[in-house]
PDB file of N, CA and C in Angstrom:
ATOM      1  N   UNK A   1       0.072 -17.574   3.594  1.00  0.00           N
ATOM      2  CA  UNK A   1       0.659 -17.261   2.205  1.00  0.00           C
ATOM      3  C   UNK A   1      -0.399 -17.777   1.051  1.00  0.00           C
ATOM      4  N   UNK A   2      -1.201 -18.982   1.330  1.00  0.00           N
ATOM      5  CA  UNK A   2      -2.053 -19.425   0.389  1.00  0.00           C
ATOM      6  C   UNK A   2      -3.164 -18.332   0.283  1.00  0.00           C
ATOM      7  N   UNK A   3      -3.634 -17.741   1.206  1.00  0.00           N
ATOM      8  CA  UNK A   3      -4.863 -16.853   1.267  1.00  0.00           C
ATOM      9  C   UNK A   3      -4.343 -15.454   0.529  1.00  0.00           C
ATOM     10  N   UNK A   4      -2.929 -15.228   0.747  1.00  0.00           N
ATOM     11  CA  UNK A   4      -2.514 -13.989  -0.038  1.00  0.00           C
ATOM     12  C   UNK A   4      -2.410 -14.175  -1.513  1.00  0.00           C
ATOM     13  N   UNK A   5      -2.098 -15.456  -1.937  1.00  0.00           N
ATOM     14  CA  UNK A   5      -1.919 -15.744  -3.339  1.00  0.00           C
ATOM     15  C   UNK A   5      -3.315 -15.662  -3.961  1.00  0.00           C
ATOM     16  N   UNK A   6      -4.274 -16.257  -3.268  1.00  0.00           N
ATOM     17  CA  UNK A   6      -5.571 -16.154  -3.706  1.00  0.00           C
ATOM     18  C   UNK A   6      -6.218 -14.926  -3.746  1.00  0.00           C
ATOM     19  N   UNK A   7      -5.900 -13.850  -3.042  1.00  0.00           N
ATOM     20  CA  UNK A   7      -6.380 -12.479  -3.029  1.00  0.00           C
ATOM     21  C   UNK A   7      -5.734 -11.897  -4.269  1.00  0.00           C
ATOM     22  N   UNK A   8      -4.356 -12.198  -4.651  1.00  0.00           N
ATOM     23  CA  UNK A   8      -3.585 -11.457  -5.490  1.00  0.00           C
ATOM     24  C   UNK A   8      -4.311 -12.026  -6.800  1.00  0.00           C
ATOM     25  N   UNK A   9      -4.662 -13.333  -7.136  1.00  0.00           N
ATOM     26  CA  UNK A   9      -5.120 -13.741  -8.252  1.00  0.00           C
ATOM     27  C   UNK A   9      -6.684 -13.264  -8.387  1.00  0.00           C
ATOM     28  N   UNK A  10      -7.387 -13.089  -7.380  1.00  0.00           N
ATOM     29  CA  UNK A  10      -8.662 -12.586  -7.403  1.00  0.00           C
ATOM     30  C   UNK A  10      -8.671 -11.154  -7.803  1.00  0.00           C
ATOM     31  N   UNK A  11      -7.859 -10.454  -7.168  1.00  0.00           N
ATOM     32  CA  UNK A  11      -7.679  -8.958  -7.920  1.00  0.00           C
ATOM     33  C   UNK A  11      -7.473  -9.034  -9.320  1.00  0.00           C
ATOM     34  N   UNK A  12      -6.466  -9.773  -9.702  1.00  0.00           N
ATOM     35  CA  UNK A  12      -6.008  -9.912 -11.148  1.00  0.00           C
ATOM     36  C   UNK A  12      -7.248 -10.323 -12.069  1.00  0.00           C
ATOM     37  N   UNK A  13      -7.935 -11.332 -11.563  1.00  0.00           N
ATOM     38  CA  UNK A  13      -9.148 -11.663 -12.486  1.00  0.00           C
ATOM     39  C   UNK A  13     -10.107 -10.556 -12.581  1.00  0.00           C
ATOM     40  N   UNK A  14     -10.493  -9.893 -11.372  1.00  0.00           N
ATOM     41  CA  UNK A  14     -11.436  -8.979 -11.296  1.00  0.00           C
ATOM     42  C   UNK A  14     -10.907  -7.728 -12.196  1.00  0.00           C
ATOM     43  N   UNK A  15      -9.662  -7.401 -12.226  1.00  0.00           N
ATOM     44  CA  UNK A  15      -9.060  -6.451 -13.058  1.00  0.00           C
ATOM     45  C   UNK A  15      -9.246  -6.739 -14.671  1.00  0.00           C
ATOM     46  N   UNK A  16      -8.967  -7.842 -15.019  1.00  0.00           N
ATOM     47  CA  UNK A  16      -9.149  -8.507 -16.423  1.00  0.00           C
ATOM     48  C   UNK A  16     -10.631  -8.312 -16.765  1.00  0.00           C
ATOM     49  N   UNK A  17     -11.612  -8.803 -15.966  1.00  0.00           N
ATOM     50  CA  UNK A  17     -12.962  -8.657 -16.228  1.00  0.00           C
ATOM     51  C   UNK A  17     -13.362  -7.312 -16.579  1.00  0.00           C
ATOM     52  N   UNK A  18     -12.890  -6.414 -15.704  1.00  0.00           N
ATOM     53  CA  UNK A  18     -13.290  -4.952 -15.874  1.00  0.00           C
ATOM     54  C   UNK A  18     -12.512  -4.431 -17.153  1.00  0.00           C
ATOM     55  N   UNK A  19     -11.482  -4.865 -17.625  1.00  0.00           N
ATOM     56  CA  UNK A  19     -10.710  -4.424 -18.701  1.00  0.00           C
ATOM     57  C   UNK A  19     -11.767  -4.802 -19.879  1.00  0.00           C
ATOM     58  N   UNK A  20     -12.289  -6.076 -19.806  1.00  0.00           N
ATOM     59  CA  UNK A  20     -13.200  -6.786 -20.935  1.00  0.00           C
ATOM     60  C   UNK A  20     -14.539  -6.102 -20.881  1.00  0.00           C
ATOM     61  N   UNK A  21     -14.962  -5.985 -19.757  1.00  0.00           N
ATOM     62  CA  UNK A  21     -16.376  -5.330 -19.587  1.00  0.00           C
ATOM     63  C   UNK A  21     -16.511  -4.315 -18.585  1.00  0.00           C
ATOM     64  N   UNK A  22     -16.342  -3.142 -18.886  1.00  0.00           N
ATOM     65  CA  UNK A  22     -15.995  -2.036 -17.882  1.00  0.00           C
ATOM     66  C   UNK A  22     -17.499  -1.589 -17.340  1.00  0.00           C
ATOM     67  N   UNK A  23     -17.674  -1.353 -16.325  1.00  0.00           N
ATOM     68  CA  UNK A  23     -18.983  -1.219 -15.701  1.00  0.00           C
ATOM     69  C   UNK A  23     -19.326   0.184 -15.775  1.00  0.00           C
TER      70      UNK A  23
END
């Protein structure tokens, strides 16, 4: 469960970064 939460947060973080600085 800990790993799943980390995965979810990581995806959200990457999504937010892409929104700010789209590649």
